[in-house]
C-alpha atoms as a PDB file:
ATOM      1  CA  MET A   1     -22.164 -66.504 241.699  1.00  0.00           C
ATOM      2  CA  MET A   2     -23.563 -63.791 243.972  1.00  0.00           C
ATOM      3  CA  LYS A   3     -26.557 -63.413 241.682  1.00  0.00           C
ATOM      4  CA  ASN A   4     -27.368 -67.101 242.072  1.00  0.00           C
ATOM      5  CA  ALA A   5     -27.050 -66.828 245.842  1.00  0.00           C
ATOM      6  CA  GLY A   6     -29.587 -63.996 245.806  1.00  0.00           C
ATOM      7  CA  VAL A   7     -32.015 -65.931 243.634  1.00  0.00           C
ATOM      8  CA  SER A   8     -31.626 -68.974 245.867  1.00  0.00           C
ATOM      9  CA  GLN A   9     -32.390 -66.873 248.931  1.00  0.00           C
ATOM     10  CA  THR A  10     -35.459 -65.397 247.230  1.00  0.00           C
ATOM     11  CA  TRP A  11     -37.260 -68.714 246.745  1.00  0.00           C
ATOM     12  CA  ARG A  12     -36.138 -69.872 250.177  1.00  0.00           C
ATOM     13  CA  ALA A  13     -37.563 -66.744 251.822  1.00  0.00           C
ATOM     14  CA  LEU A  14     -40.850 -67.116 249.942  1.00  0.00           C
ATOM     15  CA  TYR A  15     -40.986 -70.789 250.886  1.00  0.00           C
ATOM     16  CA  GLN A  16     -40.489 -70.056 254.570  1.00  0.00           C
ATOM     17  CA  ALA A  17     -43.066 -67.283 254.459  1.00  0.00           C
ATOM     18  CA  ALA A  18     -45.600 -69.641 252.877  1.00  0.00           C
ATOM     19  CA  LEU A  19     -44.961 -72.348 255.440  1.00  0.00           C
ATOM     20  CA  PHE A  20     -45.423 -69.992 258.374  1.00  0.00           C
ATOM     21  CA  GLU A  21     -48.200 -67.740 257.047  1.00  0.00           C
ATOM     22  CA  THR A  22     -51.025 -67.777 259.597  1.00  0.00           C
ATOM     23  CA  ASP A  23     -53.478 -65.489 257.808  1.00  0.00           C
ATOM     24  CA  LYS A  24     -55.911 -67.846 256.075  1.00  0.00           C
ATOM     25  CA  GLN A  25     -56.737 -65.162 253.493  1.00  0.00           C
ATOM     26  CA  LYS A  26     -53.078 -64.706 252.504  1.00  0.00           C
ATOM     27  CA  GLN A  27     -52.094 -68.381 252.439  1.00  0.00           C
ATOM     28  CA  PRO A  28     -53.306 -69.245 248.904  1.00  0.00           C
ATOM     29  CA  SER A  29     -51.557 -66.304 247.223  1.00  0.00           C
ATOM     30  CA  CYS A  30     -48.426 -66.880 249.271  1.00  0.00           C
ATOM     31  CA  ILE A  31     -48.367 -70.531 248.183  1.00  0.00           C
ATOM     32  CA  ASP A  32     -48.966 -69.575 244.536  1.00  0.00           C
ATOM     33  CA  GLU A  33     -46.143 -67.013 244.583  1.00  0.00           C
ATOM     34  CA  THR A  34     -43.789 -69.532 246.174  1.00  0.00           C
ATOM     35  CA  GLU A  35     -44.629 -72.231 243.649  1.00  0.00           C
ATOM     36  CA  ARG A  36     -43.986 -69.842 240.755  1.00  0.00           C
ATOM     37  CA  ALA A  37     -40.611 -68.844 242.243  1.00  0.00           C
ATOM     38  CA  LEU A  38     -39.636 -72.482 242.756  1.00  0.00           C
ATOM     39  CA  ILE A  39     -40.546 -73.435 239.199  1.00  0.00           C
ATOM     40  CA  ARG A  40     -38.753 -70.395 237.783  1.00  0.00           C
ATOM     41  CA  ARG A  41     -35.604 -71.247 239.753  1.00  0.00           C
ATOM     42  CA  ALA A  42     -35.769 -74.918 238.759  1.00  0.00           C
ATOM     43  CA  ARG A  43     -35.865 -73.877 235.103  1.00  0.00           C
ATOM     44  CA  GLU A  44     -32.898 -71.553 235.617  1.00  0.00           C
ATOM     45  CA  LEU A  45     -30.896 -74.368 237.206  1.00  0.00           C
ATOM     46  CA  PHE A  46     -31.824 -76.761 234.407  1.00  0.00           C
ATOM     47  CA  ALA A  47     -30.502 -74.299 231.828  1.00  0.00           C
ATOM     48  CA  SER A  48     -27.322 -73.386 233.692  1.00  0.00           C
ATOM     49  CA  PRO A  49     -24.074 -75.324 233.664  1.00  0.00           C
ATOM     50  CA  GLY A  50     -22.455 -76.489 236.834  1.00  0.00           C
ATOM     51  CA  ASP A  51     -23.164 -78.568 239.873  1.00  0.00           C
ATOM     52  CA  ASN A  52     -26.580 -77.472 241.070  1.00  0.00           C
ATOM     53  CA  ASP A  53     -27.699 -80.831 242.431  1.00  0.00           C
ATOM     54  CA  GLN A  54     -28.122 -79.718 246.042  1.00  0.00           C
ATOM     55  CA  GLU A  55     -30.256 -76.708 245.212  1.00  0.00           C
ATOM     56  CA  ALA A  56     -32.233 -78.672 242.622  1.00  0.00           C
ATOM     57  CA  GLN A  57     -33.014 -81.320 245.244  1.00  0.00           C
ATOM     58  CA  ALA A  58     -33.986 -78.631 247.756  1.00  0.00           C
ATOM     59  CA  ILE A  59     -36.352 -77.132 245.168  1.00  0.00           C
ATOM     60  CA  ASP A  60     -37.906 -80.531 244.464  1.00  0.00           C
ATOM     61  CA  ASP A  61     -38.447 -81.047 248.187  1.00  0.00           C
ATOM     62  CA  ALA A  62     -39.902 -77.555 248.599  1.00  0.00           C
ATOM     63  CA  LEU A  63     -42.271 -78.040 245.646  1.00  0.00           C
ATOM     64  CA  TYR A  64     -43.493 -81.287 247.132  1.00  0.00           C
ATOM     65  CA  ALA A  65     -44.063 -79.645 250.517  1.00  0.00           C
ATOM     66  CA  ILE A  66     -45.760 -76.529 249.132  1.00  0.00           C
ATOM     67  CA  ARG A  67     -48.125 -78.644 247.036  1.00  0.00           C
ATOM     68  CA  ALA A  68     -48.910 -80.810 250.064  1.00  0.00           C
ATOM     69  CA  LEU A  69     -49.614 -77.650 252.055  1.00  0.00           C
ATOM     70  CA  ARG A  70     -51.977 -76.439 249.329  1.00  0.00           C
ATOM     71  CA  SER A  71     -53.809 -79.782 249.377  1.00  0.00           C
ATOM     72  CA  CYS A  72     -54.158 -79.693 253.159  1.00  0.00           C
ATOM     73  CA  LEU A  73     -55.514 -76.154 253.084  1.00  0.00           C
ATOM     74  CA  GLN A  74     -58.021 -77.094 250.386  1.00  0.00           C
ATOM     75  CA  LEU A  75     -59.170 -80.093 252.431  1.00  0.00           C
ATOM     76  CA  ASN A  76     -59.508 -77.934 255.543  1.00  0.00           C
ATOM     77  CA  THR A  77     -61.476 -75.322 253.612  1.00  0.00           C
ATOM     78  CA  ARG A  78     -63.848 -77.938 252.202  1.00  0.00           C
ATOM     79  CA  GLY A  79     -64.236 -79.545 255.610  1.00  0.00           C
ATOM     80  CA  SER A  80     -65.121 -76.273 257.318  1.00  0.00           C
ATOM     81  CA  GLU A  81     -67.640 -75.427 254.597  1.00  0.00           C
ATOM     82  CA  ALA A  82     -69.395 -78.774 255.101  1.00  0.00           C
ATOM     83  CA  ALA A  83     -69.655 -78.315 258.867  1.00  0.00           C
END
């Protein structure tokens, strides 16, 4: 159980770091690392027995948000290049 708590905190910490990263050069790699951690954890939950519904839903929400963030950053990058 403690191992799962640590893994859960890992993706959550990466997620928060990605959301609040202000360095435009670091944002893409931070988002990529977070997405990989979220997908890895989702796969672990899928393969493990037990009631993981709350964390699985939190991961789904975080994946949606991190992908939306990536899209916004890509739009902003394209927009600034055109200006």
